[in-house]
């Protein structure tokens, strides 16, 4: 279990003595009940068990690789280059680029999830 909050004196001093003690007791009780760090979830395995491997491979992998993990494709969105591939500047603002495929993937996910619920 992550005890970062309890380990940071500047955060703890914001609490009353009773709140700090209550938090310590809660962490102790949860650690006793559930153990330490929870096991990592293997989403590919979960998708396989519930019959959603197709949606996992076609939507989740694409969305996860581009939006969650730092991949070359995801990092490429922050670089503005010219036709000679020379970097002109970095971009750190929202973009409408690829909005249609993103919304389409989200909708497909919802539709397939709905189908799974009624099955």
N, C-alpha and C. Protein backbone atom coordinates (compact mmCIF):
# COMPACT_ATOMS: atom_id res chain seq x y z
N UNK A 1 0.84 -1.18 0.00
CA UNK A 1 0.00 0.00 0.00
C UNK A 1 0.89 1.24 0.00
N UNK A 2 0.52 2.24 -0.77
CA UNK A 2 1.30 3.47 -0.87
C UNK A 2 1.02 4.36 0.34
N UNK A 3 2.07 4.67 1.07
CA UNK A 3 1.94 5.49 2.27
C UNK A 3 2.52 6.88 2.05
N UNK A 4 2.50 7.35 0.82
CA UNK A 4 3.11 8.64 0.49
C UNK A 4 2.47 9.77 1.27
N UNK A 5 1.19 9.74 1.44
CA UNK A 5 0.51 10.81 2.18
C UNK A 5 0.99 10.84 3.62
N UNK A 6 1.07 9.67 4.24
CA UNK A 6 1.51 9.60 5.63
C UNK A 6 3.00 9.95 5.78
N UNK A 7 3.77 9.73 4.73
CA UNK A 7 5.21 9.99 4.80
C UNK A 7 5.56 11.46 4.56
N UNK A 8 4.60 12.26 4.12
CA UNK A 8 4.87 13.66 3.80
C UNK A 8 4.45 14.55 4.97
N UNK A 9 5.41 15.07 5.74
CA UNK A 9 5.08 15.88 6.92
C UNK A 9 4.22 17.10 6.59
N UNK A 10 4.42 17.70 5.42
CA UNK A 10 3.63 18.89 5.07
C UNK A 10 2.16 18.55 4.87
N UNK A 11 1.86 17.33 4.44
CA UNK A 11 0.46 16.92 4.28
C UNK A 11 -0.15 16.51 5.62
N UNK A 12 0.63 15.81 6.43
CA UNK A 12 0.14 15.36 7.73
C UNK A 12 -0.15 16.54 8.65
N UNK A 13 0.66 17.59 8.58
CA UNK A 13 0.43 18.72 9.48
C UNK A 13 -0.86 19.48 9.16
N UNK A 14 -1.44 19.21 7.99
CA UNK A 14 -2.73 19.81 7.64
C UNK A 14 -3.88 19.13 8.37
N UNK A 15 -3.63 17.94 8.93
CA UNK A 15 -4.66 17.17 9.61
C UNK A 15 -4.65 17.47 11.10
N UNK A 16 -5.80 17.29 11.71
CA UNK A 16 -5.84 17.36 13.18
C UNK A 16 -5.21 16.08 13.72
N UNK A 17 -4.92 16.06 14.99
CA UNK A 17 -4.34 14.86 15.61
C UNK A 17 -5.28 13.68 15.43
N UNK A 18 -6.57 13.92 15.61
CA UNK A 18 -7.57 12.85 15.46
C UNK A 18 -7.63 12.34 14.02
N UNK A 19 -7.58 13.26 13.06
CA UNK A 19 -7.61 12.86 11.65
C UNK A 19 -6.37 12.04 11.30
N UNK A 20 -5.21 12.47 11.75
CA UNK A 20 -3.97 11.74 11.48
C UNK A 20 -4.01 10.34 12.06
N UNK A 21 -4.49 10.24 13.29
CA UNK A 21 -4.60 8.92 13.94
C UNK A 21 -5.62 8.06 13.21
N UNK A 22 -6.74 8.67 12.81
CA UNK A 22 -7.75 7.92 12.07
C UNK A 22 -7.21 7.40 10.74
N UNK A 23 -6.43 8.22 10.05
CA UNK A 23 -5.84 7.81 8.78
C UNK A 23 -4.85 6.67 8.98
N UNK A 24 -4.00 6.79 9.99
CA UNK A 24 -3.03 5.72 10.29
C UNK A 24 -3.76 4.41 10.61
N UNK A 25 -4.83 4.50 11.40
CA UNK A 25 -5.60 3.30 11.75
C UNK A 25 -6.25 2.69 10.52
N UNK A 26 -6.79 3.54 9.64
CA UNK A 26 -7.41 3.05 8.41
C UNK A 26 -6.40 2.32 7.54
N UNK A 27 -5.22 2.92 7.35
CA UNK A 27 -4.17 2.30 6.54
C UNK A 27 -3.75 0.97 7.16
N UNK A 28 -3.58 0.94 8.48
CA UNK A 28 -3.20 -0.29 9.17
C UNK A 28 -4.26 -1.37 8.96
N UNK A 29 -5.54 -1.00 9.14
CA UNK A 29 -6.62 -1.97 8.99
C UNK A 29 -6.72 -2.50 7.56
N UNK A 30 -6.60 -1.61 6.58
CA UNK A 30 -6.66 -2.04 5.17
C UNK A 30 -5.49 -2.93 4.82
N UNK A 31 -4.31 -2.60 5.33
CA UNK A 31 -3.13 -3.42 5.06
C UNK A 31 -3.31 -4.80 5.67
N UNK A 32 -3.86 -4.87 6.88
CA UNK A 32 -4.10 -6.17 7.52
C UNK A 32 -5.15 -6.97 6.76
N UNK A 33 -6.19 -6.29 6.29
CA UNK A 33 -7.28 -6.99 5.61
C UNK A 33 -6.90 -7.44 4.20
N UNK A 34 -6.21 -6.57 3.46
CA UNK A 34 -5.95 -6.86 2.04
C UNK A 34 -4.49 -7.11 1.71
N UNK A 35 -3.59 -6.94 2.65
CA UNK A 35 -2.17 -7.12 2.37
C UNK A 35 -1.58 -5.85 1.80
N UNK A 36 -0.42 -5.99 1.19
CA UNK A 36 0.28 -4.84 0.64
C UNK A 36 -0.30 -4.38 -0.67
N UNK A 37 0.56 -4.11 -1.61
CA UNK A 37 0.16 -3.60 -2.92
C UNK A 37 -0.73 -4.61 -3.64
N UNK A 38 -1.83 -4.14 -4.23
CA UNK A 38 -2.69 -5.07 -4.98
C UNK A 38 -1.97 -5.60 -6.22
N UNK A 39 -2.37 -6.76 -6.64
CA UNK A 39 -1.78 -7.37 -7.83
C UNK A 39 -2.11 -6.52 -9.06
N UNK A 40 -1.18 -6.47 -10.01
CA UNK A 40 -1.44 -5.75 -11.25
C UNK A 40 -2.50 -6.49 -12.06
N UNK A 41 -3.28 -5.73 -12.79
CA UNK A 41 -4.32 -6.33 -13.63
C UNK A 41 -3.76 -6.51 -15.03
N UNK A 42 -3.88 -7.71 -15.57
CA UNK A 42 -3.48 -7.99 -16.94
C UNK A 42 -4.75 -7.89 -17.79
N UNK A 43 -4.92 -6.73 -18.45
CA UNK A 43 -6.16 -6.47 -19.18
C UNK A 43 -6.35 -7.41 -20.37
N UNK A 44 -5.26 -7.87 -20.98
CA UNK A 44 -5.39 -8.82 -22.10
C UNK A 44 -6.01 -10.11 -21.59
N UNK A 45 -5.58 -10.55 -20.42
CA UNK A 45 -6.13 -11.78 -19.84
C UNK A 45 -7.60 -11.60 -19.47
N UNK A 46 -7.94 -10.45 -18.89
CA UNK A 46 -9.33 -10.17 -18.53
C UNK A 46 -10.20 -10.15 -19.78
N UNK A 47 -9.72 -9.48 -20.83
CA UNK A 47 -10.49 -9.42 -22.08
C UNK A 47 -10.72 -10.82 -22.63
N UNK A 48 -9.70 -11.67 -22.58
CA UNK A 48 -9.84 -13.05 -23.06
C UNK A 48 -10.86 -13.84 -22.27
N UNK A 49 -10.87 -13.66 -20.96
CA UNK A 49 -11.79 -14.40 -20.09
C UNK A 49 -13.25 -14.01 -20.31
N UNK A 50 -13.49 -12.76 -20.70
CA UNK A 50 -14.87 -12.31 -20.88
C UNK A 50 -15.28 -12.23 -22.36
N UNK A 51 -14.44 -12.77 -23.25
CA UNK A 51 -14.80 -12.82 -24.66
C UNK A 51 -14.71 -11.49 -25.38
N UNK A 52 -13.80 -10.62 -24.94
CA UNK A 52 -13.69 -9.31 -25.57
C UNK A 52 -12.29 -9.06 -26.14
N UNK A 53 -11.63 -10.12 -26.60
CA UNK A 53 -10.29 -9.98 -27.16
C UNK A 53 -10.28 -9.10 -28.39
N UNK A 54 -11.31 -9.20 -29.22
CA UNK A 54 -11.35 -8.37 -30.43
C UNK A 54 -11.37 -6.89 -30.10
N UNK A 55 -12.20 -6.49 -29.14
CA UNK A 55 -12.27 -5.07 -28.79
C UNK A 55 -10.99 -4.65 -28.08
N UNK A 56 -10.41 -5.54 -27.30
CA UNK A 56 -9.14 -5.23 -26.64
C UNK A 56 -8.06 -4.93 -27.67
N UNK A 57 -7.96 -5.81 -28.68
CA UNK A 57 -6.91 -5.63 -29.70
C UNK A 57 -7.19 -4.47 -30.64
N UNK A 58 -8.44 -4.24 -30.99
CA UNK A 58 -8.74 -3.21 -31.98
C UNK A 58 -8.92 -1.82 -31.40
N UNK A 59 -9.35 -1.71 -30.16
CA UNK A 59 -9.61 -0.39 -29.59
C UNK A 59 -8.70 -0.09 -28.40
N UNK A 60 -8.70 -0.96 -27.40
CA UNK A 60 -7.96 -0.65 -26.18
C UNK A 60 -6.46 -0.48 -26.43
N UNK A 61 -5.87 -1.39 -27.19
CA UNK A 61 -4.43 -1.28 -27.45
C UNK A 61 -4.08 0.04 -28.13
N UNK A 62 -4.87 0.42 -29.10
CA UNK A 62 -4.63 1.67 -29.82
C UNK A 62 -4.80 2.87 -28.90
N UNK A 63 -5.89 2.90 -28.15
CA UNK A 63 -6.16 4.04 -27.27
C UNK A 63 -5.15 4.10 -26.13
N UNK A 64 -4.80 2.96 -25.60
CA UNK A 64 -3.86 2.92 -24.48
C UNK A 64 -2.48 3.35 -24.92
N UNK A 65 -2.04 2.87 -26.07
CA UNK A 65 -0.72 3.21 -26.56
C UNK A 65 -0.58 4.67 -26.91
N UNK A 66 -1.66 5.30 -27.30
CA UNK A 66 -1.59 6.69 -27.72
C UNK A 66 -1.90 7.67 -26.60
N UNK A 67 -2.75 7.28 -25.69
CA UNK A 67 -3.18 8.24 -24.68
C UNK A 67 -2.64 8.02 -23.29
N UNK A 68 -2.24 6.82 -22.98
CA UNK A 68 -1.83 6.51 -21.62
C UNK A 68 -0.33 6.33 -21.48
N UNK A 69 0.26 5.65 -22.41
CA UNK A 69 1.68 5.34 -22.33
C UNK A 69 2.49 6.28 -23.21
N UNK A 70 3.70 6.55 -22.81
CA UNK A 70 4.58 7.44 -23.58
C UNK A 70 5.21 6.65 -24.73
N UNK A 71 4.52 6.64 -25.86
CA UNK A 71 5.04 5.97 -27.05
C UNK A 71 5.58 7.03 -28.01
N UNK A 72 6.30 6.59 -29.02
CA UNK A 72 6.82 7.52 -30.02
C UNK A 72 5.66 8.24 -30.69
N UNK A 73 4.59 7.52 -31.01
CA UNK A 73 3.43 8.16 -31.65
C UNK A 73 2.81 9.22 -30.75
N UNK A 74 2.67 8.90 -29.46
CA UNK A 74 2.08 9.87 -28.54
C UNK A 74 2.98 11.09 -28.37
N UNK A 75 4.28 10.87 -28.27
CA UNK A 75 5.21 11.98 -28.11
C UNK A 75 5.29 12.84 -29.37
N UNK A 76 5.08 12.21 -30.51
CA UNK A 76 5.14 12.92 -31.78
C UNK A 76 4.10 14.05 -31.86
N UNK A 77 3.02 13.94 -31.12
CA UNK A 77 1.98 14.96 -31.12
C UNK A 77 2.48 16.29 -30.56
N UNK A 78 3.57 16.24 -29.81
CA UNK A 78 4.08 17.45 -29.17
C UNK A 78 5.20 18.12 -29.96
N UNK A 79 5.43 17.68 -31.19
CA UNK A 79 6.49 18.23 -32.01
C UNK A 79 5.92 18.80 -33.29
N UNK A 80 6.25 20.04 -33.58
CA UNK A 80 5.87 20.67 -34.86
C UNK A 80 7.12 20.70 -35.72
N UNK A 81 7.07 19.99 -36.86
CA UNK A 81 8.23 19.91 -37.76
C UNK A 81 7.84 20.41 -39.14
N UNK A 82 8.86 20.78 -39.93
CA UNK A 82 8.60 21.23 -41.30
C UNK A 82 8.70 20.04 -42.25
N UNK A 83 8.60 20.31 -43.56
CA UNK A 83 8.62 19.25 -44.57
C UNK A 83 9.95 18.49 -44.60
N UNK A 84 11.02 19.12 -44.13
CA UNK A 84 12.33 18.46 -44.08
C UNK A 84 12.56 17.74 -42.75
N UNK A 85 11.50 17.61 -41.96
CA UNK A 85 11.55 16.93 -40.67
C UNK A 85 12.44 17.64 -39.64
N UNK A 86 12.59 18.93 -39.82
CA UNK A 86 13.33 19.73 -38.84
C UNK A 86 12.34 20.21 -37.78
N UNK A 87 12.70 20.05 -36.53
CA UNK A 87 11.81 20.46 -35.45
C UNK A 87 11.77 21.97 -35.37
N UNK A 88 10.57 22.52 -35.45
CA UNK A 88 10.37 23.96 -35.38
C UNK A 88 10.12 24.41 -33.95
N UNK A 89 9.24 23.68 -33.26
CA UNK A 89 8.94 23.99 -31.86
C UNK A 89 8.16 22.85 -31.24
N UNK A 90 8.00 22.91 -29.94
CA UNK A 90 7.21 21.92 -29.21
C UNK A 90 5.80 22.45 -29.01
N UNK A 91 4.86 21.55 -28.93
CA UNK A 91 3.45 21.91 -28.79
C UNK A 91 2.91 21.29 -27.49
N UNK A 92 2.37 22.15 -26.64
CA UNK A 92 1.78 21.67 -25.39
C UNK A 92 0.40 22.28 -25.20
N UNK A 93 -0.50 21.92 -26.08
CA UNK A 93 -1.87 22.43 -26.00
C UNK A 93 -2.81 21.38 -26.57
N UNK A 94 -4.07 21.47 -26.22
CA UNK A 94 -5.04 20.51 -26.77
C UNK A 94 -5.07 20.58 -28.30
N UNK A 95 -5.40 19.47 -28.91
CA UNK A 95 -5.45 19.41 -30.36
C UNK A 95 -6.72 18.70 -30.80
N UNK A 96 -7.27 19.15 -31.92
CA UNK A 96 -8.44 18.48 -32.49
C UNK A 96 -8.01 17.38 -33.46
N UNK A 97 -6.71 17.25 -33.66
CA UNK A 97 -6.20 16.23 -34.57
C UNK A 97 -6.64 14.85 -34.09
N UNK A 98 -7.11 14.05 -34.99
CA UNK A 98 -7.56 12.69 -34.71
C UNK A 98 -8.76 12.62 -33.77
N UNK A 99 -9.52 13.70 -33.66
CA UNK A 99 -10.69 13.70 -32.79
C UNK A 99 -11.76 12.73 -33.31
N UNK A 100 -11.98 12.72 -34.61
CA UNK A 100 -13.00 11.83 -35.18
C UNK A 100 -12.67 10.36 -34.93
N UNK A 101 -11.44 9.89 -35.20
CA UNK A 101 -11.15 8.48 -34.91
C UNK A 101 -11.23 8.17 -33.40
N UNK A 102 -10.87 9.13 -32.58
CA UNK A 102 -10.94 8.92 -31.13
C UNK A 102 -12.38 8.74 -30.68
N UNK A 103 -13.27 9.62 -31.14
CA UNK A 103 -14.68 9.50 -30.79
C UNK A 103 -15.29 8.23 -31.37
N UNK A 104 -14.87 7.87 -32.56
CA UNK A 104 -15.36 6.65 -33.19
C UNK A 104 -14.96 5.42 -32.37
N UNK A 105 -13.72 5.39 -31.90
CA UNK A 105 -13.25 4.28 -31.07
C UNK A 105 -13.99 4.23 -29.75
N UNK A 106 -14.22 5.40 -29.16
CA UNK A 106 -14.95 5.45 -27.90
C UNK A 106 -16.37 4.92 -28.08
N UNK A 107 -17.02 5.32 -29.16
CA UNK A 107 -18.38 4.86 -29.43
C UNK A 107 -18.40 3.36 -29.67
N UNK A 108 -17.44 2.86 -30.43
CA UNK A 108 -17.37 1.41 -30.67
C UNK A 108 -17.20 0.66 -29.36
N UNK A 109 -16.37 1.20 -28.47
CA UNK A 109 -16.17 0.56 -27.17
C UNK A 109 -17.46 0.49 -26.38
N UNK A 110 -18.19 1.61 -26.37
CA UNK A 110 -19.45 1.64 -25.64
C UNK A 110 -20.47 0.67 -26.21
N UNK A 111 -20.55 0.60 -27.53
CA UNK A 111 -21.51 -0.30 -28.16
C UNK A 111 -21.18 -1.76 -27.87
N UNK A 112 -19.92 -2.11 -27.94
CA UNK A 112 -19.52 -3.49 -27.66
C UNK A 112 -19.71 -3.81 -26.18
N UNK A 113 -19.41 -2.83 -25.30
CA UNK A 113 -19.62 -3.04 -23.87
C UNK A 113 -21.11 -3.25 -23.59
N UNK A 114 -21.96 -2.50 -24.27
CA UNK A 114 -23.40 -2.66 -24.10
C UNK A 114 -23.83 -4.05 -24.55
N UNK A 115 -23.27 -4.49 -25.65
CA UNK A 115 -23.58 -5.84 -26.15
C UNK A 115 -23.16 -6.90 -25.13
N UNK A 116 -22.00 -6.70 -24.52
CA UNK A 116 -21.53 -7.65 -23.52
C UNK A 116 -22.44 -7.70 -22.30
N UNK A 117 -23.04 -6.57 -21.96
CA UNK A 117 -23.92 -6.52 -20.80
C UNK A 117 -25.22 -7.27 -21.00
N UNK A 118 -25.71 -7.27 -22.23
CA UNK A 118 -26.99 -7.93 -22.49
C UNK A 118 -26.82 -9.40 -22.87
N UNK A 119 -25.60 -9.82 -23.08
CA UNK A 119 -25.34 -11.21 -23.48
C UNK A 119 -25.50 -12.18 -22.33
